[in-house]
Every structure is written in structure tokens, then in C-alpha cells.
N, C-alpha and C. Protein backbone atom coordinates (compact mmCIF):
# COMPACT_ATOMS: atom_id res chain seq x y z
N MET A 1 196.92 117.02 -63.35
CA MET A 1 197.80 118.16 -63.07
C MET A 1 197.17 119.46 -63.54
N ASP A 2 196.13 119.39 -64.36
CA ASP A 2 195.51 120.62 -64.88
C ASP A 2 195.01 121.54 -63.78
N ASN A 3 194.55 120.97 -62.66
CA ASN A 3 193.98 121.81 -61.62
C ASN A 3 195.00 122.23 -60.56
N ILE A 4 196.26 121.80 -60.69
CA ILE A 4 197.26 122.17 -59.68
C ILE A 4 198.41 122.99 -60.22
N ALA A 5 198.54 123.06 -61.53
CA ALA A 5 199.68 123.77 -62.11
C ALA A 5 199.26 124.57 -63.33
N ASP A 6 199.68 125.82 -63.37
CA ASP A 6 199.42 126.65 -64.55
C ASP A 6 200.29 126.17 -65.70
N ARG A 7 199.77 126.32 -66.90
CA ARG A 7 200.55 126.03 -68.11
C ARG A 7 200.94 127.38 -68.71
N ARG A 8 202.24 127.56 -68.96
CA ARG A 8 202.72 128.80 -69.56
C ARG A 8 203.52 128.48 -70.81
N THR A 9 203.43 129.39 -71.77
CA THR A 9 204.13 129.24 -73.04
C THR A 9 205.20 130.31 -73.15
N TYR A 10 206.38 129.91 -73.61
CA TYR A 10 207.51 130.84 -73.76
C TYR A 10 208.06 130.73 -75.17
N GLY A 11 208.48 131.87 -75.70
CA GLY A 11 209.12 131.90 -77.00
C GLY A 11 210.63 131.78 -76.86
N PRO A 12 211.32 131.50 -77.96
CA PRO A 12 212.79 131.38 -77.91
C PRO A 12 213.41 132.63 -77.29
N GLY A 13 214.26 132.43 -76.29
CA GLY A 13 214.94 133.54 -75.64
C GLY A 13 214.20 134.13 -74.46
N ASP A 14 212.93 133.77 -74.28
CA ASP A 14 212.18 134.29 -73.13
C ASP A 14 212.79 133.79 -71.83
N VAL A 15 213.08 134.70 -70.91
CA VAL A 15 213.62 134.34 -69.62
C VAL A 15 212.48 133.84 -68.74
N ILE A 16 212.65 132.65 -68.17
CA ILE A 16 211.62 132.03 -67.35
C ILE A 16 211.87 132.32 -65.87
N LEU A 17 213.12 132.24 -65.46
CA LEU A 17 213.48 132.61 -64.09
C LEU A 17 214.87 133.21 -64.09
N ARG A 18 215.14 134.02 -63.05
CA ARG A 18 216.40 134.74 -62.99
C ARG A 18 217.22 134.36 -61.76
N GLU A 19 218.52 134.29 -61.98
CA GLU A 19 219.47 134.05 -60.90
C GLU A 19 219.22 135.05 -59.77
N GLY A 20 219.24 134.55 -58.54
CA GLY A 20 219.06 135.41 -57.38
C GLY A 20 217.63 135.56 -56.91
N ASP A 21 216.66 135.25 -57.78
CA ASP A 21 215.26 135.33 -57.37
C ASP A 21 214.93 134.26 -56.34
N SER A 22 213.85 134.48 -55.60
CA SER A 22 213.39 133.45 -54.67
C SER A 22 212.65 132.38 -55.46
N GLY A 23 212.56 131.21 -54.85
CA GLY A 23 211.90 130.10 -55.52
C GLY A 23 210.45 129.98 -55.11
N ASP A 24 209.56 130.57 -55.89
CA ASP A 24 208.13 130.49 -55.57
C ASP A 24 207.44 129.36 -56.34
N ALA A 25 208.16 128.76 -57.30
CA ALA A 25 207.59 127.68 -58.10
C ALA A 25 208.73 126.93 -58.79
N PHE A 26 208.43 125.72 -59.26
CA PHE A 26 209.37 125.03 -60.13
C PHE A 26 208.63 124.64 -61.40
N TYR A 27 209.34 124.18 -62.40
CA TYR A 27 208.81 124.05 -63.74
C TYR A 27 209.02 122.64 -64.30
N LEU A 28 208.00 122.13 -64.96
CA LEU A 28 208.06 120.87 -65.69
C LEU A 28 207.90 121.21 -67.16
N ILE A 29 208.85 120.83 -67.97
CA ILE A 29 208.81 121.16 -69.40
C ILE A 29 207.96 120.12 -70.13
N GLU A 30 206.84 120.56 -70.69
CA GLU A 30 205.98 119.67 -71.46
C GLU A 30 206.45 119.57 -72.90
N LYS A 31 206.89 120.70 -73.45
CA LYS A 31 207.29 120.76 -74.85
C LYS A 31 208.39 121.79 -74.97
N GLY A 32 209.39 121.52 -75.80
CA GLY A 32 210.48 122.46 -76.01
C GLY A 32 211.68 122.13 -75.15
N SER A 33 212.51 123.13 -74.91
CA SER A 33 213.70 122.94 -74.08
C SER A 33 214.12 124.27 -73.47
N VAL A 34 214.89 124.17 -72.39
CA VAL A 34 215.29 125.33 -71.61
C VAL A 34 216.79 125.29 -71.40
N GLU A 35 217.40 126.46 -71.48
CA GLU A 35 218.83 126.63 -71.26
C GLU A 35 219.02 127.28 -69.89
N VAL A 36 219.91 126.69 -69.09
CA VAL A 36 220.23 127.24 -67.78
C VAL A 36 221.59 127.92 -67.91
N TYR A 37 221.69 129.17 -67.42
CA TYR A 37 222.92 129.92 -67.63
C TYR A 37 223.17 130.92 -66.50
N LYS A 38 224.40 131.38 -66.46
CA LYS A 38 224.81 132.44 -65.54
C LYS A 38 225.51 133.52 -66.36
N LYS A 39 225.62 134.68 -65.77
CA LYS A 39 226.40 135.76 -66.39
C LYS A 39 227.81 135.67 -65.82
N GLY A 40 228.80 135.71 -66.69
CA GLY A 40 230.20 135.67 -66.28
C GLY A 40 230.64 137.02 -65.76
N PRO A 41 231.89 137.09 -65.30
CA PRO A 41 232.40 138.31 -64.70
C PRO A 41 232.40 139.53 -65.63
N THR A 42 232.46 139.28 -66.94
CA THR A 42 232.44 140.40 -67.88
C THR A 42 231.07 140.53 -68.56
N GLY A 43 230.06 139.85 -67.99
CA GLY A 43 228.70 139.94 -68.54
C GLY A 43 228.36 138.92 -69.59
N GLN A 44 229.32 138.06 -69.94
CA GLN A 44 229.05 137.05 -70.95
C GLN A 44 228.11 135.97 -70.40
N LYS A 45 227.36 135.35 -71.29
CA LYS A 45 226.42 134.30 -70.93
C LYS A 45 227.17 132.96 -70.95
N ILE A 46 227.16 132.27 -69.81
CA ILE A 46 227.82 130.96 -69.72
C ILE A 46 226.74 129.91 -69.49
N VAL A 47 226.56 129.06 -70.50
CA VAL A 47 225.53 128.03 -70.44
C VAL A 47 225.99 126.90 -69.52
N ILE A 48 225.15 126.60 -68.53
CA ILE A 48 225.44 125.55 -67.56
C ILE A 48 224.86 124.23 -68.03
N GLY A 49 223.72 124.28 -68.68
CA GLY A 49 223.09 123.06 -69.17
C GLY A 49 221.84 123.34 -69.95
N LYS A 50 221.32 122.29 -70.58
CA LYS A 50 220.06 122.38 -71.32
C LYS A 50 219.15 121.27 -70.81
N ILE A 51 217.88 121.60 -70.66
CA ILE A 51 216.91 120.66 -70.13
C ILE A 51 215.85 120.41 -71.20
N PRO A 52 215.66 119.15 -71.58
CA PRO A 52 214.68 118.83 -72.63
C PRO A 52 213.27 118.64 -72.06
N ALA A 53 212.32 118.41 -72.95
CA ALA A 53 210.94 118.11 -72.56
C ALA A 53 210.96 116.92 -71.59
N GLY A 54 210.12 117.02 -70.58
CA GLY A 54 210.05 115.99 -69.55
C GLY A 54 210.91 116.30 -68.33
N GLY A 55 211.83 117.27 -68.48
CA GLY A 55 212.70 117.65 -67.38
C GLY A 55 212.08 118.70 -66.48
N ILE A 56 212.68 118.86 -65.30
CA ILE A 56 212.24 119.91 -64.38
C ILE A 56 213.41 120.83 -64.08
N PHE A 57 213.08 122.04 -63.65
CA PHE A 57 214.10 122.99 -63.22
C PHE A 57 213.48 123.95 -62.22
N GLY A 58 214.35 124.57 -61.42
CA GLY A 58 213.89 125.53 -60.43
C GLY A 58 213.47 124.91 -59.12
N GLU A 59 213.65 123.60 -58.98
CA GLU A 59 213.16 122.90 -57.79
C GLU A 59 214.02 123.12 -56.55
N MET A 60 215.32 123.34 -56.73
CA MET A 60 216.19 123.47 -55.56
C MET A 60 215.81 124.68 -54.71
N ALA A 61 215.58 125.81 -55.33
CA ALA A 61 215.24 127.02 -54.59
C ALA A 61 213.88 126.88 -53.90
N VAL A 62 213.02 126.07 -54.46
CA VAL A 62 211.72 125.83 -53.84
C VAL A 62 211.88 124.98 -52.59
N ILE A 63 212.75 123.99 -52.65
CA ILE A 63 212.91 123.06 -51.52
C ILE A 63 213.76 123.66 -50.41
N ASP A 64 214.89 124.28 -50.77
CA ASP A 64 215.79 124.74 -49.69
C ASP A 64 215.65 126.24 -49.36
N ASP A 65 214.77 126.92 -50.05
CA ASP A 65 214.47 128.33 -49.78
C ASP A 65 215.70 129.23 -49.90
N LYS A 66 216.61 128.88 -50.81
CA LYS A 66 217.77 129.73 -51.10
C LYS A 66 217.54 130.37 -52.47
N PRO A 67 218.25 131.46 -52.76
CA PRO A 67 218.06 132.12 -54.06
C PRO A 67 218.41 131.20 -55.23
N ARG A 68 217.80 131.46 -56.34
CA ARG A 68 218.07 130.68 -57.56
C ARG A 68 219.54 130.84 -57.94
N MET A 69 220.18 129.73 -58.33
CA MET A 69 221.60 129.72 -58.64
C MET A 69 221.92 130.23 -60.04
N ALA A 70 220.93 130.17 -60.91
CA ALA A 70 221.17 130.53 -62.31
C ALA A 70 219.86 131.01 -62.92
N SER A 71 219.95 131.50 -64.13
CA SER A 71 218.77 131.91 -64.88
C SER A 71 218.39 130.79 -65.84
N ALA A 72 217.17 130.84 -66.35
CA ALA A 72 216.71 129.85 -67.31
C ALA A 72 215.88 130.55 -68.38
N ALA A 73 216.10 130.15 -69.63
CA ALA A 73 215.37 130.74 -70.75
C ALA A 73 214.98 129.66 -71.75
N ALA A 74 213.88 129.87 -72.43
CA ALA A 74 213.44 128.93 -73.46
C ALA A 74 214.42 128.98 -74.64
N VAL A 75 214.74 127.81 -75.18
CA VAL A 75 215.62 127.72 -76.35
C VAL A 75 214.79 127.77 -77.63
N GLU A 76 213.59 127.27 -77.55
CA GLU A 76 212.67 127.15 -78.68
C GLU A 76 211.27 127.38 -78.12
N PRO A 77 210.22 127.36 -78.93
CA PRO A 77 208.89 127.48 -78.34
C PRO A 77 208.73 126.39 -77.27
N THR A 78 208.39 126.81 -76.06
CA THR A 78 208.40 125.90 -74.91
C THR A 78 207.13 126.08 -74.09
N VAL A 79 206.60 124.95 -73.63
CA VAL A 79 205.43 124.95 -72.75
C VAL A 79 205.85 124.30 -71.43
N CYS A 80 205.59 125.02 -70.34
CA CYS A 80 205.94 124.52 -69.01
C CYS A 80 204.71 124.49 -68.11
N ARG A 81 204.70 123.53 -67.23
CA ARG A 81 203.76 123.52 -66.11
C ARG A 81 204.48 124.21 -64.96
N VAL A 82 203.85 125.17 -64.34
CA VAL A 82 204.43 125.91 -63.23
C VAL A 82 203.80 125.36 -61.95
N ILE A 83 204.62 124.71 -61.13
CA ILE A 83 204.13 124.05 -59.93
C ILE A 83 204.51 124.90 -58.72
N PRO A 84 203.52 125.42 -58.00
CA PRO A 84 203.79 126.35 -56.91
C PRO A 84 204.48 125.70 -55.70
N ARG A 85 205.24 126.53 -55.01
CA ARG A 85 205.96 126.10 -53.80
C ARG A 85 205.00 125.43 -52.81
N ALA A 86 203.84 126.03 -52.59
CA ALA A 86 202.90 125.51 -51.59
C ALA A 86 202.51 124.06 -51.86
N LEU A 87 202.35 123.71 -53.11
CA LEU A 87 201.99 122.34 -53.46
C LEU A 87 203.11 121.38 -53.09
N LEU A 88 204.34 121.73 -53.46
CA LEU A 88 205.46 120.85 -53.15
C LEU A 88 205.68 120.76 -51.64
N GLU A 89 205.57 121.89 -50.95
CA GLU A 89 205.73 121.88 -49.49
C GLU A 89 204.70 120.96 -48.84
N LYS A 90 203.47 121.00 -49.34
CA LYS A 90 202.41 120.15 -48.81
C LYS A 90 202.74 118.67 -49.04
N LYS A 91 203.21 118.33 -50.22
CA LYS A 91 203.56 116.94 -50.55
C LYS A 91 204.72 116.46 -49.67
N ILE A 92 205.74 117.30 -49.52
CA ILE A 92 206.90 116.91 -48.71
C ILE A 92 206.49 116.78 -47.24
N ALA A 93 205.69 117.72 -46.73
CA ALA A 93 205.25 117.68 -45.33
C ALA A 93 204.43 116.42 -45.04
N GLY A 94 203.74 115.91 -46.03
CA GLY A 94 202.93 114.70 -45.86
C GLY A 94 203.73 113.41 -45.96
N SER A 95 205.01 113.54 -46.26
CA SER A 95 205.84 112.34 -46.40
C SER A 95 206.48 111.97 -45.07
N ASP A 96 207.02 110.78 -45.02
CA ASP A 96 207.72 110.26 -43.85
C ASP A 96 208.90 111.17 -43.49
N LYS A 97 209.21 111.29 -42.20
CA LYS A 97 210.31 112.14 -41.73
C LYS A 97 211.64 111.73 -42.34
N LEU A 98 211.85 110.44 -42.54
CA LEU A 98 213.09 109.98 -43.16
C LEU A 98 213.17 110.48 -44.60
N VAL A 99 212.07 110.41 -45.31
CA VAL A 99 212.03 110.90 -46.70
C VAL A 99 212.32 112.40 -46.72
N GLN A 100 211.76 113.14 -45.79
CA GLN A 100 212.01 114.58 -45.71
C GLN A 100 213.50 114.86 -45.49
N ALA A 101 214.11 114.11 -44.59
CA ALA A 101 215.54 114.30 -44.31
C ALA A 101 216.39 113.96 -45.54
N ILE A 102 216.04 112.90 -46.22
CA ILE A 102 216.80 112.49 -47.41
C ILE A 102 216.67 113.55 -48.50
N ILE A 103 215.48 114.10 -48.68
CA ILE A 103 215.29 115.16 -49.69
C ILE A 103 216.19 116.35 -49.38
N LYS A 104 216.22 116.77 -48.11
CA LYS A 104 217.07 117.90 -47.73
C LYS A 104 218.54 117.61 -48.00
N ILE A 105 218.99 116.41 -47.67
CA ILE A 105 220.39 116.04 -47.92
C ILE A 105 220.67 116.01 -49.41
N PHE A 106 219.77 115.42 -50.19
CA PHE A 106 219.95 115.39 -51.65
C PHE A 106 220.08 116.79 -52.21
N ILE A 107 219.20 117.69 -51.80
CA ILE A 107 219.24 119.05 -52.32
C ILE A 107 220.54 119.75 -51.93
N GLN A 108 221.00 119.56 -50.69
CA GLN A 108 222.29 120.14 -50.28
C GLN A 108 223.42 119.61 -51.15
N ASN A 109 223.41 118.30 -51.39
CA ASN A 109 224.46 117.69 -52.22
C ASN A 109 224.38 118.18 -53.66
N ILE A 110 223.18 118.25 -54.20
CA ILE A 110 223.02 118.71 -55.58
C ILE A 110 223.44 120.17 -55.70
N ARG A 111 223.08 121.00 -54.73
CA ARG A 111 223.47 122.41 -54.77
C ARG A 111 224.99 122.53 -54.74
N THR A 112 225.65 121.75 -53.89
CA THR A 112 227.11 121.79 -53.79
C THR A 112 227.75 121.36 -55.11
N ILE A 113 227.27 120.26 -55.68
CA ILE A 113 227.81 119.77 -56.96
C ILE A 113 227.55 120.80 -58.06
N THR A 114 226.36 121.38 -58.06
CA THR A 114 226.02 122.38 -59.08
C THR A 114 226.92 123.60 -58.95
N GLU A 115 227.18 124.04 -57.72
CA GLU A 115 228.07 125.18 -57.52
C GLU A 115 229.46 124.89 -58.08
N LEU A 116 229.95 123.67 -57.88
CA LEU A 116 231.25 123.27 -58.44
C LEU A 116 231.22 123.28 -59.96
N GLN A 117 230.14 122.76 -60.55
CA GLN A 117 230.00 122.76 -62.00
C GLN A 117 229.94 124.17 -62.54
N ILE A 118 229.23 125.03 -61.85
CA ILE A 118 229.13 126.42 -62.29
C ILE A 118 230.50 127.09 -62.23
N ALA A 119 231.23 126.88 -61.15
CA ALA A 119 232.57 127.46 -61.02
C ALA A 119 233.47 126.98 -62.16
N LYS A 120 233.38 125.70 -62.47
CA LYS A 120 234.19 125.13 -63.56
C LYS A 120 233.78 125.74 -64.91
N ALA A 121 232.48 125.84 -65.15
CA ALA A 121 232.00 126.41 -66.41
C ALA A 121 232.40 127.88 -66.53
N MET A 122 232.34 128.60 -65.41
CA MET A 122 232.73 130.02 -65.44
C MET A 122 234.21 130.13 -65.76
N GLU A 123 235.01 129.27 -65.16
CA GLU A 123 236.46 129.29 -65.40
C GLU A 123 236.76 128.95 -66.86
N GLU A 124 236.12 127.92 -67.38
CA GLU A 124 236.32 127.53 -68.77
C GLU A 124 235.80 128.59 -69.72
N GLY A 125 234.66 129.17 -69.37
CA GLY A 125 234.07 130.21 -70.23
C GLY A 125 234.94 131.43 -70.33
N VAL A 126 235.58 131.79 -69.24
CA VAL A 126 236.44 132.98 -69.23
C VAL A 126 237.77 132.67 -69.90
N GLU A 127 238.36 131.51 -69.56
CA GLU A 127 239.67 131.17 -70.10
C GLU A 127 239.60 130.65 -71.53
N GLY A 128 238.57 129.83 -71.81
CA GLY A 128 238.52 129.17 -73.10
C GLY A 128 237.77 129.90 -74.17
N GLY A 129 237.17 131.01 -73.82
CA GLY A 129 236.41 131.75 -74.82
C GLY A 129 235.16 131.05 -75.28
N GLU A 130 234.66 130.10 -74.49
CA GLU A 130 233.50 129.31 -74.88
C GLU A 130 232.18 130.01 -74.56
N ALA A 131 232.24 131.01 -73.74
CA ALA A 131 231.00 131.67 -73.32
C ALA A 131 230.35 132.40 -74.48
N GLN A 132 229.03 132.50 -74.39
CA GLN A 132 228.26 133.21 -75.41
C GLN A 132 228.10 134.66 -74.99
N PRO A 133 227.99 135.57 -75.95
CA PRO A 133 227.77 136.98 -75.59
C PRO A 133 226.46 137.12 -74.81
N ALA A 134 226.43 138.05 -73.89
CA ALA A 134 225.22 138.30 -73.12
C ALA A 134 224.13 138.80 -74.05
N SER A 135 222.90 138.32 -73.78
CA SER A 135 221.79 138.78 -74.62
C SER A 135 220.83 139.63 -73.84
């Protein structure tokens, strides 16, 4: 993987990707962890989830070419492999047509489920006072 993906290091609180951006790459966490979050209606930070070492994030926008649904920031010193869109597109294009169709369906389903989770978290964050102050 050394010759196909850049390795980047992030400090605690460093924003890795932003909601609304296009998906030019996705990330594999080698070390550390990442928090995925959105800004609530009053600007508060609502944490959607945390991804540990070994996890990936940012892949949906790369596959379905839609804007990123949320932002992501390092929680602690974090090292990620940044895998470019072109590499994933090449791998998917080389796969069987059935596999390509299944990937598209999976991403649509995951995006829909994620949107529901985000709506629920936003509702709970606003009503329950669970949201963190915007940083």
C-alpha cells in the first residue's frame, strides 16, 4: 500500500474532511481514532460516531460522487492512509458487473441509514442537550 496511498498524520482536533466537500479520497486509520460529526442548527457539534484504528471513513462520497455527509476530525494523534478516488474507481471498474451493482445498492442503503441516524442524533442533540459546543 506504500506506493498507492499517502500516509498523513493528524493531531487531536485536526479536521480531516468537511461536510459538503466532494469525495476525492477515502481514509484508512492506521493509528489513533477519528470522530465523525455534524454542526447542529445552532452551531453545536453533534458527534455521529467514532472510528478506531483499522476503520475507514469517507468512502461513500468517493463511490457515489455525492457531497460528504459529515465532517471528520482526529480525536488523538492519528495516522491515516489516504486512498485516492481514482484507485478505488479502477478497482470497482475491474470487478464483475454484479459486484458493481451490489456496491452501488449498499452505498445507497448505507447513505439512507446514515441520514436517518444523523437526523436522530441531531434531534437528540438539540432536545437532550447532548451535543458538544462547536470548536
